[in-house]
Amino acid sequence: MGFTLADRVVALRRGTGLSQEKLAQRMDMSRNTLWHIESGRTANPRMDHLIALCQALDVSADYLLGLTESTESHKESIGYA
């Protein structure tokens, strides 16, 4: 079984040493909204939340959605980072 979006967000957040509160602040959303995403209660987050997650965690949407195993962001893949 593959990792879910929730699994990936939790692993990335923990890997960066951020609390839910700090990541939520970076994303300009409530900690409760982030908790719902991390717990899997919101399996299909809104597009603006998905974009905020990608930007705050510096990963591609493809990675968060399980379409690739590479955590490389789009900026890195085109040599922009």
N, C-alpha and C. Protein backbone atom coordinates (compact mmCIF):
# COMPACT_ATOMS: atom_id res chain seq x y z
N MET A 1 0.84 -1.18 0.00
CA MET A 1 0.00 0.00 0.00
C MET A 1 0.88 1.24 0.00
N GLY A 2 0.56 2.22 -0.83
CA GLY A 2 1.34 3.44 -0.93
C GLY A 2 1.01 4.43 0.17
N PHE A 3 1.82 5.43 0.23
CA PHE A 3 1.60 6.47 1.21
C PHE A 3 0.48 7.39 0.75
N THR A 4 -0.32 7.85 1.70
CA THR A 4 -1.39 8.78 1.39
C THR A 4 -0.85 10.21 1.45
N LEU A 5 -1.64 11.14 0.98
CA LEU A 5 -1.29 12.55 1.08
C LEU A 5 -1.03 12.90 2.55
N ALA A 6 -1.89 12.41 3.43
CA ALA A 6 -1.73 12.67 4.86
C ALA A 6 -0.38 12.16 5.37
N ASP A 7 -0.02 10.93 4.98
CA ASP A 7 1.26 10.35 5.40
C ASP A 7 2.43 11.21 4.93
N ARG A 8 2.35 11.65 3.69
CA ARG A 8 3.44 12.43 3.11
C ARG A 8 3.58 13.79 3.79
N VAL A 9 2.45 14.44 4.06
CA VAL A 9 2.50 15.74 4.72
C VAL A 9 3.09 15.61 6.13
N VAL A 10 2.64 14.62 6.86
CA VAL A 10 3.16 14.41 8.23
C VAL A 10 4.67 14.13 8.18
N ALA A 11 5.10 13.24 7.29
CA ALA A 11 6.52 12.89 7.20
C ALA A 11 7.37 14.11 6.82
N LEU A 12 6.90 14.88 5.86
CA LEU A 12 7.64 16.08 5.46
C LEU A 12 7.69 17.11 6.58
N ARG A 13 6.57 17.32 7.24
CA ARG A 13 6.54 18.29 8.33
C ARG A 13 7.49 17.88 9.45
N ARG A 14 7.42 16.63 9.83
CA ARG A 14 8.30 16.14 10.90
C ARG A 14 9.76 16.19 10.47
N GLY A 15 10.02 15.89 9.20
CA GLY A 15 11.38 15.92 8.67
C GLY A 15 11.99 17.31 8.70
N THR A 16 11.15 18.32 8.61
CA THR A 16 11.65 19.70 8.67
C THR A 16 11.68 20.23 10.10
N GLY A 17 11.16 19.44 11.04
CA GLY A 17 11.16 19.85 12.44
C GLY A 17 10.10 20.88 12.79
N LEU A 18 9.10 21.01 11.94
CA LEU A 18 8.04 21.99 12.18
C LEU A 18 6.89 21.39 12.97
N SER A 19 6.32 22.18 13.84
CA SER A 19 5.08 21.78 14.51
C SER A 19 3.92 22.03 13.55
N GLN A 20 2.77 21.48 13.86
CA GLN A 20 1.58 21.77 13.05
C GLN A 20 1.31 23.28 13.06
N GLU A 21 1.47 23.88 14.20
CA GLU A 21 1.21 25.32 14.34
C GLU A 21 2.12 26.14 13.43
N LYS A 22 3.41 25.82 13.41
CA LYS A 22 4.36 26.57 12.58
C LYS A 22 4.10 26.36 11.10
N LEU A 23 3.81 25.12 10.70
CA LEU A 23 3.51 24.87 9.29
C LEU A 23 2.22 25.58 8.89
N ALA A 24 1.22 25.52 9.73
CA ALA A 24 -0.04 26.20 9.43
C ALA A 24 0.19 27.70 9.27
N GLN A 25 1.04 28.28 10.11
CA GLN A 25 1.36 29.71 9.99
C GLN A 25 2.04 29.99 8.66
N ARG A 26 2.97 29.14 8.26
CA ARG A 26 3.65 29.30 6.97
C ARG A 26 2.66 29.27 5.81
N MET A 27 1.62 28.47 5.98
CA MET A 27 0.63 28.28 4.93
C MET A 27 -0.51 29.27 5.02
N ASP A 28 -0.52 30.08 6.06
CA ASP A 28 -1.59 31.05 6.29
C ASP A 28 -2.95 30.35 6.38
N MET A 29 -2.98 29.28 7.18
CA MET A 29 -4.24 28.56 7.42
C MET A 29 -4.28 28.16 8.89
N SER A 30 -5.43 27.72 9.33
CA SER A 30 -5.56 27.32 10.73
C SER A 30 -4.88 25.97 10.98
N ARG A 31 -4.44 25.78 12.21
CA ARG A 31 -3.86 24.50 12.59
C ARG A 31 -4.90 23.40 12.45
N ASN A 32 -6.15 23.73 12.71
CA ASN A 32 -7.23 22.75 12.60
C ASN A 32 -7.38 22.25 11.16
N THR A 33 -7.25 23.14 10.19
CA THR A 33 -7.32 22.73 8.79
C THR A 33 -6.18 21.78 8.46
N LEU A 34 -4.97 22.13 8.91
CA LEU A 34 -3.82 21.25 8.69
C LEU A 34 -4.02 19.91 9.37
N TRP A 35 -4.55 19.93 10.58
CA TRP A 35 -4.81 18.68 11.31
C TRP A 35 -5.76 17.79 10.50
N HIS A 36 -6.79 18.38 9.92
CA HIS A 36 -7.73 17.59 9.12
C HIS A 36 -7.04 16.95 7.91
N ILE A 37 -6.13 17.68 7.31
CA ILE A 37 -5.38 17.13 6.17
C ILE A 37 -4.46 16.01 6.64
N GLU A 38 -3.72 16.25 7.72
CA GLU A 38 -2.77 15.25 8.24
C GLU A 38 -3.46 14.01 8.78
N SER A 39 -4.65 14.15 9.30
CA SER A 39 -5.35 12.99 9.86
C SER A 39 -6.09 12.19 8.78
N GLY A 40 -6.15 12.75 7.57
CA GLY A 40 -6.85 12.07 6.50
C GLY A 40 -8.34 12.39 6.45
N ARG A 41 -8.81 13.21 7.37
CA ARG A 41 -10.23 13.59 7.36
C ARG A 41 -10.56 14.43 6.12
N THR A 42 -9.55 15.16 5.63
CA THR A 42 -9.69 15.88 4.38
C THR A 42 -8.75 15.20 3.39
N ALA A 43 -9.27 14.20 2.70
CA ALA A 43 -8.44 13.41 1.78
C ALA A 43 -8.15 14.17 0.49
N ASN A 44 -9.04 15.08 0.12
CA ASN A 44 -8.89 15.87 -1.10
C ASN A 44 -8.95 17.35 -0.75
N PRO A 45 -7.82 17.90 -0.32
CA PRO A 45 -7.83 19.30 0.11
C PRO A 45 -8.11 20.25 -1.04
N ARG A 46 -8.58 21.43 -0.69
CA ARG A 46 -8.82 22.46 -1.69
C ARG A 46 -7.52 22.79 -2.41
N MET A 47 -7.66 23.27 -3.64
CA MET A 47 -6.49 23.58 -4.47
C MET A 47 -5.58 24.60 -3.78
N ASP A 48 -6.13 25.63 -3.17
CA ASP A 48 -5.28 26.63 -2.52
C ASP A 48 -4.53 26.05 -1.34
N HIS A 49 -5.12 25.07 -0.66
CA HIS A 49 -4.42 24.41 0.44
C HIS A 49 -3.30 23.51 -0.10
N LEU A 50 -3.57 22.82 -1.19
CA LEU A 50 -2.55 21.97 -1.81
C LEU A 50 -1.36 22.80 -2.28
N ILE A 51 -1.64 23.93 -2.91
CA ILE A 51 -0.57 24.82 -3.36
C ILE A 51 0.23 25.34 -2.17
N ALA A 52 -0.46 25.72 -1.11
CA ALA A 52 0.23 26.22 0.09
C ALA A 52 1.11 25.14 0.70
N LEU A 53 0.63 23.90 0.73
CA LEU A 53 1.43 22.79 1.25
C LEU A 53 2.69 22.60 0.41
N CYS A 54 2.53 22.61 -0.89
CA CYS A 54 3.68 22.43 -1.79
C CYS A 54 4.71 23.53 -1.57
N GLN A 55 4.26 24.76 -1.46
CA GLN A 55 5.18 25.87 -1.28
C GLN A 55 5.85 25.81 0.09
N ALA A 56 5.08 25.54 1.12
CA ALA A 56 5.64 25.53 2.48
C ALA A 56 6.61 24.37 2.69
N LEU A 57 6.35 23.24 2.05
CA LEU A 57 7.19 22.05 2.21
C LEU A 57 8.19 21.89 1.08
N ASP A 58 8.14 22.76 0.08
CA ASP A 58 9.04 22.77 -1.07
C ASP A 58 9.07 21.43 -1.80
N VAL A 59 7.87 20.94 -2.10
CA VAL A 59 7.72 19.72 -2.88
C VAL A 59 6.69 19.95 -3.97
N SER A 60 6.64 19.05 -4.93
CA SER A 60 5.66 19.17 -6.00
C SER A 60 4.31 18.60 -5.57
N ALA A 61 3.27 19.04 -6.23
CA ALA A 61 1.94 18.47 -6.02
C ALA A 61 1.95 17.00 -6.43
N ASP A 62 2.71 16.68 -7.46
CA ASP A 62 2.80 15.28 -7.89
C ASP A 62 3.27 14.39 -6.75
N TYR A 63 4.25 14.87 -5.97
CA TYR A 63 4.74 14.07 -4.84
C TYR A 63 3.64 13.92 -3.78
N LEU A 64 3.04 15.04 -3.39
CA LEU A 64 2.02 14.98 -2.34
C LEU A 64 0.85 14.09 -2.74
N LEU A 65 0.51 14.09 -4.02
CA LEU A 65 -0.62 13.30 -4.50
C LEU A 65 -0.25 11.86 -4.82
N GLY A 66 1.02 11.50 -4.66
CA GLY A 66 1.45 10.13 -4.88
C GLY A 66 1.69 9.76 -6.33
N LEU A 67 1.85 10.77 -7.19
CA LEU A 67 2.08 10.51 -8.62
C LEU A 67 3.55 10.28 -8.93
N THR A 68 4.42 10.65 -8.01
CA THR A 68 5.86 10.42 -8.14
C THR A 68 6.44 10.18 -6.76
N GLU A 69 7.57 9.54 -6.72
CA GLU A 69 8.26 9.32 -5.45
C GLU A 69 9.35 10.37 -5.23
N SER A 70 9.56 11.22 -6.20
CA SER A 70 10.59 12.25 -6.10
C SER A 70 10.04 13.45 -5.34
N THR A 71 10.78 13.89 -4.31
CA THR A 71 10.36 15.07 -3.55
C THR A 71 10.85 16.36 -4.20
N GLU A 72 11.58 16.22 -5.31
CA GLU A 72 12.12 17.38 -6.00
C GLU A 72 10.98 18.30 -6.45
N SER A 73 11.10 19.58 -6.11
CA SER A 73 10.07 20.52 -6.53
C SER A 73 10.24 20.82 -8.01
N HIS A 74 9.22 21.37 -8.60
CA HIS A 74 9.27 21.72 -10.02
C HIS A 74 10.40 22.70 -10.29
N LYS A 75 10.62 23.66 -9.39
CA LYS A 75 11.69 24.63 -9.56
C LYS A 75 13.04 23.93 -9.68
N GLU A 76 13.26 22.90 -8.85
CA GLU A 76 14.54 22.18 -8.90
C GLU A 76 14.66 21.37 -10.19
N SER A 77 13.54 20.79 -10.65
CA SER A 77 13.61 19.94 -11.83
C SER A 77 13.92 20.74 -13.10
N ILE A 78 13.62 22.04 -13.09
CA ILE A 78 13.94 22.86 -14.28
C ILE A 78 15.17 23.74 -14.05
N GLY A 79 15.84 23.52 -12.91
CA GLY A 79 17.07 24.26 -12.64
C GLY A 79 16.86 25.67 -12.18
N TYR A 80 15.71 25.97 -11.59
CA TYR A 80 15.39 27.32 -11.14
C TYR A 80 15.76 27.58 -9.70
N ALA A 81 15.82 26.54 -8.90
CA ALA A 81 16.05 26.69 -7.45
C ALA A 81 17.45 27.15 -7.15
